[in-house]
């Protein structure tokens, strides 16, 4: 396993349509922003949507859960930090943690659990070597665990 980890951190742009009647971020937007950030993370590692489509594989989610800690308003400068919370030894299963940050303040923590899906065989499978190599460079959470 590589020891050169990179924390994927990107600012988000909030839109008027992201805000609810209480003038803060709608709960479903956290999930949408998280999905967009994970897609951006994979693309930054050289695993774009076209690559996955051409290779016949992609991620599938089994669970998605968000803890809302502080409200986020449209004028807030928010960054989302993405790291890996757990992996199976064959990299077939994964868990990501995404922290919605306002400066040093954690506003929400989104956790997803999933696996790589072989679209041709229509089943969960270990990802191609290019994915395994790329994922080895993503930062791990402090409580990272290997799945047996």
N, C-alpha and C. Protein backbone atom coordinates (compact mmCIF):
# COMPACT_ATOMS: atom_id res chain seq x y z
N UNK A 1 0.84 -1.18 0.00
CA UNK A 1 0.00 0.00 0.00
C UNK A 1 0.88 1.23 0.00
N UNK A 2 0.55 2.19 -0.82
CA UNK A 2 1.32 3.43 -0.91
C UNK A 2 1.21 4.22 0.38
N UNK A 3 2.27 4.95 0.71
CA UNK A 3 2.22 5.83 1.88
C UNK A 3 2.06 7.28 1.47
N UNK A 4 1.93 7.56 0.20
CA UNK A 4 1.75 8.92 -0.30
C UNK A 4 0.26 9.17 -0.52
N UNK A 5 -0.43 9.59 0.54
CA UNK A 5 -1.87 9.80 0.46
C UNK A 5 -2.19 11.26 0.17
N UNK A 6 -3.24 11.48 -0.60
CA UNK A 6 -3.69 12.83 -0.92
C UNK A 6 -5.13 12.98 -0.46
N UNK A 7 -5.37 14.03 0.35
CA UNK A 7 -6.72 14.34 0.76
C UNK A 7 -7.38 15.11 -0.37
N UNK A 8 -8.46 14.57 -0.90
CA UNK A 8 -9.18 15.23 -1.98
C UNK A 8 -10.09 16.27 -1.36
N UNK A 9 -9.85 17.53 -1.67
CA UNK A 9 -10.57 18.63 -1.04
C UNK A 9 -10.93 19.64 -2.13
N UNK A 10 -12.21 19.92 -2.26
CA UNK A 10 -12.67 20.85 -3.30
C UNK A 10 -13.76 21.77 -2.74
N UNK A 11 -13.74 23.03 -3.16
CA UNK A 11 -14.84 23.93 -2.78
C UNK A 11 -16.09 23.57 -3.57
N UNK A 12 -17.25 23.87 -3.00
CA UNK A 12 -18.51 23.68 -3.71
C UNK A 12 -19.17 25.03 -3.93
N UNK A 13 -19.90 25.14 -5.01
CA UNK A 13 -20.66 26.34 -5.31
C UNK A 13 -22.12 26.04 -5.00
N UNK A 14 -22.68 26.80 -4.06
CA UNK A 14 -24.08 26.60 -3.69
C UNK A 14 -24.96 27.48 -4.55
N UNK A 15 -26.11 26.93 -4.93
CA UNK A 15 -27.06 27.64 -5.78
C UNK A 15 -28.34 27.91 -5.00
N UNK A 16 -29.10 28.86 -5.47
CA UNK A 16 -30.38 29.19 -4.84
C UNK A 16 -31.26 27.96 -4.72
N UNK A 17 -31.25 27.11 -5.73
CA UNK A 17 -32.09 25.91 -5.72
C UNK A 17 -31.65 24.87 -4.70
N UNK A 18 -30.47 25.04 -4.11
CA UNK A 18 -29.96 24.13 -3.08
C UNK A 18 -30.51 24.46 -1.70
N UNK A 19 -31.16 25.59 -1.56
CA UNK A 19 -31.59 26.11 -0.26
C UNK A 19 -33.06 25.78 -0.02
N UNK A 20 -33.40 25.44 1.23
CA UNK A 20 -34.78 25.10 1.57
C UNK A 20 -35.52 26.29 2.18
N UNK A 21 -36.71 26.05 2.64
CA UNK A 21 -37.56 27.12 3.18
C UNK A 21 -37.00 27.74 4.46
N UNK A 22 -36.07 27.06 5.11
CA UNK A 22 -35.42 27.60 6.32
C UNK A 22 -34.12 28.32 5.99
N UNK A 23 -33.86 28.51 4.72
CA UNK A 23 -32.69 29.25 4.22
C UNK A 23 -31.36 28.56 4.50
N UNK A 24 -31.39 27.25 4.59
CA UNK A 24 -30.13 26.51 4.66
C UNK A 24 -30.16 25.36 3.66
N UNK A 25 -29.03 24.71 3.52
CA UNK A 25 -28.87 23.66 2.51
C UNK A 25 -29.86 22.52 2.72
N UNK A 26 -30.57 22.16 1.64
CA UNK A 26 -31.51 21.04 1.69
C UNK A 26 -30.75 19.75 1.95
N UNK A 27 -31.37 18.84 2.70
CA UNK A 27 -30.68 17.60 3.06
C UNK A 27 -30.25 16.79 1.84
N UNK A 28 -31.05 16.73 0.79
CA UNK A 28 -30.71 15.91 -0.37
C UNK A 28 -29.52 16.47 -1.16
N UNK A 29 -29.24 17.76 -1.00
CA UNK A 29 -28.11 18.37 -1.70
C UNK A 29 -26.78 17.81 -1.19
N UNK A 30 -26.71 17.47 0.09
CA UNK A 30 -25.49 16.89 0.63
C UNK A 30 -25.13 15.61 -0.14
N UNK A 31 -26.14 14.79 -0.42
CA UNK A 31 -25.92 13.54 -1.15
C UNK A 31 -25.49 13.82 -2.60
N UNK A 32 -26.14 14.80 -3.23
CA UNK A 32 -25.78 15.15 -4.60
C UNK A 32 -24.36 15.70 -4.68
N UNK A 33 -24.00 16.59 -3.76
CA UNK A 33 -22.65 17.15 -3.75
C UNK A 33 -21.62 16.06 -3.46
N UNK A 34 -21.95 15.15 -2.56
CA UNK A 34 -21.05 14.04 -2.26
C UNK A 34 -20.79 13.17 -3.49
N UNK A 35 -21.85 12.84 -4.22
CA UNK A 35 -21.70 12.03 -5.43
C UNK A 35 -20.85 12.75 -6.47
N UNK A 36 -21.08 14.04 -6.64
CA UNK A 36 -20.29 14.82 -7.60
C UNK A 36 -18.82 14.85 -7.20
N UNK A 37 -18.55 15.00 -5.91
CA UNK A 37 -17.16 15.03 -5.44
C UNK A 37 -16.48 13.68 -5.64
N UNK A 38 -17.20 12.59 -5.39
CA UNK A 38 -16.60 11.26 -5.59
C UNK A 38 -16.30 11.03 -7.07
N UNK A 39 -17.18 11.48 -7.94
CA UNK A 39 -16.95 11.38 -9.38
C UNK A 39 -15.74 12.21 -9.78
N UNK A 40 -15.63 13.41 -9.22
CA UNK A 40 -14.48 14.28 -9.49
C UNK A 40 -13.19 13.64 -8.98
N UNK A 41 -13.26 13.01 -7.81
CA UNK A 41 -12.09 12.33 -7.25
C UNK A 41 -11.60 11.25 -8.20
N UNK A 42 -12.51 10.40 -8.65
CA UNK A 42 -12.13 9.33 -9.57
C UNK A 42 -11.54 9.90 -10.86
N UNK A 43 -12.17 10.96 -11.39
CA UNK A 43 -11.66 11.58 -12.62
C UNK A 43 -10.26 12.15 -12.40
N UNK A 44 -10.02 12.74 -11.22
CA UNK A 44 -8.69 13.30 -10.93
C UNK A 44 -7.62 12.21 -10.84
N UNK A 45 -8.05 10.98 -10.59
CA UNK A 45 -7.15 9.83 -10.52
C UNK A 45 -7.02 9.12 -11.87
N UNK A 46 -7.65 9.68 -12.91
CA UNK A 46 -7.58 9.09 -14.24
C UNK A 46 -8.64 8.06 -14.52
N UNK A 47 -9.71 8.06 -13.70
CA UNK A 47 -10.79 7.10 -13.88
C UNK A 47 -12.07 7.89 -14.16
N UNK A 48 -12.24 8.29 -15.40
CA UNK A 48 -13.41 9.07 -15.78
C UNK A 48 -14.59 8.19 -16.13
N UNK A 49 -15.73 8.82 -16.31
CA UNK A 49 -16.95 8.08 -16.65
C UNK A 49 -16.78 7.30 -17.96
N UNK A 50 -16.12 7.90 -18.93
CA UNK A 50 -15.91 7.20 -20.21
C UNK A 50 -15.03 5.97 -20.03
N UNK A 51 -14.02 6.10 -19.16
CA UNK A 51 -13.13 4.95 -18.89
C UNK A 51 -13.93 3.80 -18.28
N UNK A 52 -14.80 4.14 -17.32
CA UNK A 52 -15.60 3.11 -16.66
C UNK A 52 -16.57 2.47 -17.66
N UNK A 53 -17.20 3.32 -18.48
CA UNK A 53 -18.15 2.79 -19.47
C UNK A 53 -17.44 1.87 -20.46
N UNK A 54 -16.29 2.32 -20.94
CA UNK A 54 -15.53 1.52 -21.90
C UNK A 54 -15.05 0.20 -21.26
N UNK A 55 -14.65 0.26 -19.99
CA UNK A 55 -14.17 -0.94 -19.30
C UNK A 55 -15.27 -1.81 -18.75
N UNK A 56 -16.50 -1.32 -18.76
CA UNK A 56 -17.63 -2.13 -18.29
C UNK A 56 -17.69 -2.30 -16.78
N UNK A 57 -17.28 -1.27 -16.04
CA UNK A 57 -17.32 -1.34 -14.58
C UNK A 57 -17.70 0.03 -14.01
N UNK A 58 -18.07 0.03 -12.77
CA UNK A 58 -18.38 1.28 -12.08
C UNK A 58 -18.74 1.03 -10.63
N UNK A 59 -18.78 2.08 -9.84
CA UNK A 59 -19.14 1.93 -8.44
C UNK A 59 -20.65 1.81 -8.26
N UNK A 60 -21.06 1.04 -7.26
CA UNK A 60 -22.46 0.92 -6.88
C UNK A 60 -22.52 1.11 -5.37
N UNK A 61 -23.54 1.85 -4.91
CA UNK A 61 -23.67 2.12 -3.48
C UNK A 61 -24.69 1.20 -2.83
N UNK A 62 -24.38 0.78 -1.61
CA UNK A 62 -25.29 -0.03 -0.81
C UNK A 62 -25.90 0.76 0.34
N UNK A 63 -25.16 1.77 0.78
CA UNK A 63 -25.62 2.56 1.92
C UNK A 63 -25.06 3.97 1.81
N UNK A 64 -25.87 4.94 2.19
CA UNK A 64 -25.48 6.34 2.17
C UNK A 64 -26.12 6.99 3.39
N UNK A 65 -25.29 7.64 4.21
CA UNK A 65 -25.79 8.19 5.47
C UNK A 65 -25.08 9.51 5.75
N UNK A 66 -25.85 10.49 6.18
CA UNK A 66 -25.28 11.80 6.47
C UNK A 66 -25.64 12.23 7.89
N UNK A 67 -24.65 12.72 8.61
CA UNK A 67 -24.87 13.33 9.93
C UNK A 67 -24.77 14.83 9.74
N UNK A 68 -25.84 15.52 10.04
CA UNK A 68 -25.91 16.96 9.88
C UNK A 68 -25.55 17.61 11.22
N UNK A 69 -24.47 18.36 11.24
CA UNK A 69 -23.95 18.92 12.49
C UNK A 69 -24.17 20.42 12.63
N UNK A 70 -24.03 21.15 11.54
CA UNK A 70 -24.21 22.61 11.52
C UNK A 70 -24.93 22.98 10.24
N UNK A 71 -25.79 23.98 10.33
CA UNK A 71 -26.48 24.40 9.11
C UNK A 71 -25.51 25.10 8.17
N UNK A 72 -25.79 24.96 6.88
CA UNK A 72 -25.00 25.62 5.84
C UNK A 72 -25.95 26.56 5.11
N UNK A 73 -25.52 27.80 4.94
CA UNK A 73 -26.30 28.81 4.23
C UNK A 73 -25.66 29.13 2.90
N UNK A 74 -26.42 29.74 2.02
CA UNK A 74 -25.97 29.96 0.65
C UNK A 74 -24.69 30.79 0.58
N UNK A 75 -24.48 31.68 1.52
CA UNK A 75 -23.29 32.54 1.47
C UNK A 75 -22.04 31.88 2.08
N UNK A 76 -22.17 30.69 2.66
CA UNK A 76 -21.04 30.02 3.30
C UNK A 76 -20.05 29.47 2.28
N UNK A 77 -18.78 29.63 2.58
CA UNK A 77 -17.71 29.02 1.78
C UNK A 77 -17.49 27.61 2.32
N UNK A 78 -17.86 26.62 1.52
CA UNK A 78 -17.82 25.23 1.95
C UNK A 78 -16.85 24.44 1.06
N UNK A 79 -16.07 23.59 1.71
CA UNK A 79 -15.24 22.63 0.99
C UNK A 79 -15.65 21.24 1.43
N UNK A 80 -15.52 20.29 0.52
CA UNK A 80 -15.81 18.90 0.85
C UNK A 80 -14.49 18.13 0.78
N UNK A 81 -14.17 17.45 1.89
CA UNK A 81 -12.98 16.62 1.97
C UNK A 81 -13.40 15.16 1.82
N UNK A 82 -12.76 14.44 0.93
CA UNK A 82 -13.12 13.04 0.68
C UNK A 82 -11.94 12.13 1.02
N UNK A 83 -12.21 11.11 1.82
CA UNK A 83 -11.19 10.13 2.18
C UNK A 83 -11.83 8.75 2.25
N UNK A 84 -10.99 7.74 2.32
CA UNK A 84 -11.47 6.36 2.36
C UNK A 84 -11.58 5.90 3.81
N UNK A 85 -12.74 5.36 4.16
CA UNK A 85 -12.99 4.88 5.53
C UNK A 85 -12.68 3.39 5.67
N UNK A 86 -12.94 2.63 4.62
CA UNK A 86 -12.60 1.20 4.65
C UNK A 86 -12.52 0.63 3.23
N UNK A 87 -11.77 -0.46 3.14
CA UNK A 87 -11.59 -1.19 1.88
C UNK A 87 -11.51 -2.68 2.17
N UNK A 88 -12.00 -3.46 1.23
CA UNK A 88 -11.74 -4.90 1.32
C UNK A 88 -10.33 -5.13 0.76
N UNK A 89 -9.72 -6.20 1.15
CA UNK A 89 -8.33 -6.46 0.74
C UNK A 89 -8.18 -6.59 -0.78
N UNK A 90 -9.24 -7.01 -1.47
CA UNK A 90 -9.19 -7.10 -2.93
C UNK A 90 -9.72 -5.83 -3.60
N UNK A 91 -10.03 -4.79 -2.80
CA UNK A 91 -10.51 -3.48 -3.25
C UNK A 91 -11.90 -3.54 -3.87
N UNK A 92 -12.56 -4.69 -3.76
CA UNK A 92 -13.91 -4.86 -4.31
C UNK A 92 -14.91 -3.98 -3.58
N UNK A 93 -14.83 -3.94 -2.25
CA UNK A 93 -15.74 -3.13 -1.43
C UNK A 93 -15.01 -1.90 -0.90
N UNK A 94 -15.77 -0.82 -0.74
CA UNK A 94 -15.17 0.43 -0.28
C UNK A 94 -16.13 1.20 0.61
N UNK A 95 -15.58 2.13 1.33
CA UNK A 95 -16.36 3.09 2.10
C UNK A 95 -15.66 4.43 2.02
N UNK A 96 -16.41 5.47 1.70
CA UNK A 96 -15.86 6.82 1.65
C UNK A 96 -16.48 7.66 2.76
N UNK A 97 -15.70 8.58 3.27
CA UNK A 97 -16.21 9.59 4.21
C UNK A 97 -15.97 10.95 3.58
N UNK A 98 -16.99 11.79 3.64
CA UNK A 98 -16.88 13.13 3.09
C UNK A 98 -17.30 14.12 4.17
N UNK A 99 -16.42 15.06 4.43
CA UNK A 99 -16.67 16.08 5.45
C UNK A 99 -16.96 17.40 4.76
N UNK A 100 -18.09 17.98 5.10
CA UNK A 100 -18.48 19.29 4.60
C UNK A 100 -17.94 20.32 5.59
N UNK A 101 -16.94 21.08 5.16
CA UNK A 101 -16.19 21.96 6.04
C UNK A 101 -16.46 23.43 5.75
N UNK A 102 -16.66 24.20 6.81
CA UNK A 102 -16.70 25.66 6.74
C UNK A 102 -15.47 26.11 7.52
N UNK A 103 -14.38 26.33 6.80
CA UNK A 103 -13.11 26.57 7.47
C UNK A 103 -12.69 25.30 8.20
N UNK A 104 -12.50 25.41 9.51
CA UNK A 104 -12.12 24.25 10.32
C UNK A 104 -13.34 23.56 10.95
N UNK A 105 -14.52 24.10 10.73
CA UNK A 105 -15.74 23.58 11.34
C UNK A 105 -16.38 22.50 10.47
N UNK A 106 -16.62 21.33 11.05
CA UNK A 106 -17.30 20.25 10.33
C UNK A 106 -18.80 20.50 10.41
N UNK A 107 -19.43 20.67 9.24
CA UNK A 107 -20.87 20.94 9.19
C UNK A 107 -21.69 19.67 8.97
N UNK A 108 -21.10 18.70 8.28
CA UNK A 108 -21.80 17.43 8.03
C UNK A 108 -20.76 16.37 7.68
N UNK A 109 -21.12 15.12 7.97
CA UNK A 109 -20.27 13.98 7.61
C UNK A 109 -21.13 12.99 6.84
N UNK A 110 -20.75 12.78 5.59
CA UNK A 110 -21.44 11.84 4.71
C UNK A 110 -20.59 10.59 4.59
N UNK A 111 -21.20 9.44 4.83
CA UNK A 111 -20.50 8.16 4.67
C UNK A 111 -21.27 7.30 3.68
N UNK A 112 -20.53 6.70 2.76
CA UNK A 112 -21.14 5.78 1.80
C UNK A 112 -20.39 4.46 1.84
N UNK A 113 -21.12 3.39 1.59
CA UNK A 113 -20.54 2.06 1.47
C UNK A 113 -20.98 1.50 0.12
N UNK A 114 -20.04 0.87 -0.55
CA UNK A 114 -20.38 0.32 -1.85
C UNK A 114 -19.36 -0.67 -2.32
N UNK A 115 -19.42 -0.96 -3.60
CA UNK A 115 -18.52 -1.92 -4.22
C UNK A 115 -18.37 -1.58 -5.69
N UNK A 116 -17.39 -2.21 -6.31
CA UNK A 116 -17.22 -2.08 -7.75
C UNK A 116 -18.09 -3.13 -8.43
N UNK A 117 -18.74 -2.71 -9.50
CA UNK A 117 -19.72 -3.53 -10.20
C UNK A 117 -19.23 -3.82 -11.61
N UNK A 118 -19.19 -5.09 -11.96
CA UNK A 118 -18.86 -5.49 -13.32
C UNK A 118 -20.16 -5.44 -14.12
N UNK A 119 -20.29 -4.44 -14.98
CA UNK A 119 -21.53 -4.22 -15.71
C UNK A 119 -21.81 -5.31 -16.75
N UNK A 120 -20.78 -5.98 -17.21
CA UNK A 120 -20.99 -7.05 -18.19
C UNK A 120 -21.45 -8.34 -17.52
N UNK A 121 -20.82 -8.69 -16.41
CA UNK A 121 -21.19 -9.91 -15.69
C UNK A 121 -22.38 -9.67 -14.76
N UNK A 122 -22.70 -8.38 -14.52
CA UNK A 122 -23.82 -7.97 -13.66
C UNK A 122 -23.64 -8.48 -12.23
N UNK A 123 -22.41 -8.28 -11.72
CA UNK A 123 -22.15 -8.68 -10.33
C UNK A 123 -21.02 -7.84 -9.75
N UNK A 124 -20.94 -7.84 -8.43
CA UNK A 124 -19.85 -7.17 -7.73
C UNK A 124 -18.56 -7.93 -8.01
N UNK A 125 -17.48 -7.16 -8.29
CA UNK A 125 -16.20 -7.78 -8.62
C UNK A 125 -15.06 -6.83 -8.23
N UNK A 126 -13.88 -7.37 -8.11
CA UNK A 126 -12.71 -6.53 -7.88
C UNK A 126 -12.55 -5.59 -9.07
N UNK A 127 -12.14 -4.36 -8.81
CA UNK A 127 -11.98 -3.40 -9.92
C UNK A 127 -10.73 -3.71 -10.74
N UNK A 128 -10.62 -3.11 -11.90
CA UNK A 128 -9.42 -3.30 -12.72
C UNK A 128 -8.17 -2.76 -12.00
N UNK A 129 -7.00 -3.23 -12.38
CA UNK A 129 -5.75 -2.77 -11.74
C UNK A 129 -5.58 -1.25 -11.73
N UNK A 130 -6.04 -0.57 -12.76
CA UNK A 130 -5.91 0.90 -12.81
C UNK A 130 -6.65 1.55 -11.64
N UNK A 131 -7.78 0.99 -11.25
CA UNK A 131 -8.55 1.53 -10.12
C UNK A 131 -7.82 1.24 -8.81
N UNK A 132 -7.33 0.03 -8.68
CA UNK A 132 -6.60 -0.35 -7.45
C UNK A 132 -5.40 0.56 -7.27
N UNK A 133 -4.64 0.78 -8.32
CA UNK A 133 -3.46 1.65 -8.24
C UNK A 133 -3.86 3.07 -7.86
N UNK A 134 -4.90 3.58 -8.46
CA UNK A 134 -5.33 4.96 -8.19
C UNK A 134 -5.82 5.12 -6.75
N UNK A 135 -6.62 4.20 -6.29
CA UNK A 135 -7.21 4.31 -4.95
C UNK A 135 -6.15 4.26 -3.86
N UNK A 136 -5.02 3.66 -4.16
CA UNK A 136 -3.95 3.58 -3.17
C UNK A 136 -3.36 4.95 -2.82
N UNK A 137 -3.73 5.98 -3.57
CA UNK A 137 -3.20 7.33 -3.31
C UNK A 137 -4.19 8.23 -2.58
N UNK A 138 -5.37 7.71 -2.28
CA UNK A 138 -6.40 8.51 -1.60
C UNK A 138 -6.19 8.43 -0.09
N UNK A 139 -6.33 9.56 0.58
CA UNK A 139 -6.16 9.62 2.03
C UNK A 139 -7.16 8.71 2.72
N UNK A 140 -6.74 8.17 3.86
CA UNK A 140 -7.61 7.32 4.70
C UNK A 140 -8.10 8.13 5.89
N UNK A 141 -9.26 7.79 6.39
CA UNK A 141 -9.77 8.40 7.61
C UNK A 141 -8.90 7.93 8.79
N UNK A 142 -8.99 8.62 9.90
CA UNK A 142 -8.22 8.22 11.08
C UNK A 142 -8.66 6.84 11.59
N UNK A 143 -9.93 6.50 11.37
CA UNK A 143 -10.43 5.20 11.83
C UNK A 143 -10.54 4.18 10.69
N UNK A 144 -9.71 4.36 9.65
CA UNK A 144 -9.72 3.44 8.51
C UNK A 144 -9.58 2.00 8.96
N UNK A 145 -10.34 1.11 8.29
CA UNK A 145 -10.23 -0.32 8.57
C UNK A 145 -10.22 -1.12 7.27
N UNK A 146 -9.54 -2.24 7.33
CA UNK A 146 -9.58 -3.21 6.25
C UNK A 146 -10.75 -4.15 6.52
N UNK A 147 -11.49 -4.45 5.49
CA UNK A 147 -12.59 -5.41 5.60
C UNK A 147 -12.05 -6.80 5.29
N UNK A 148 -12.46 -7.77 6.06
CA UNK A 148 -12.01 -9.14 5.82
C UNK A 148 -13.00 -9.89 4.97
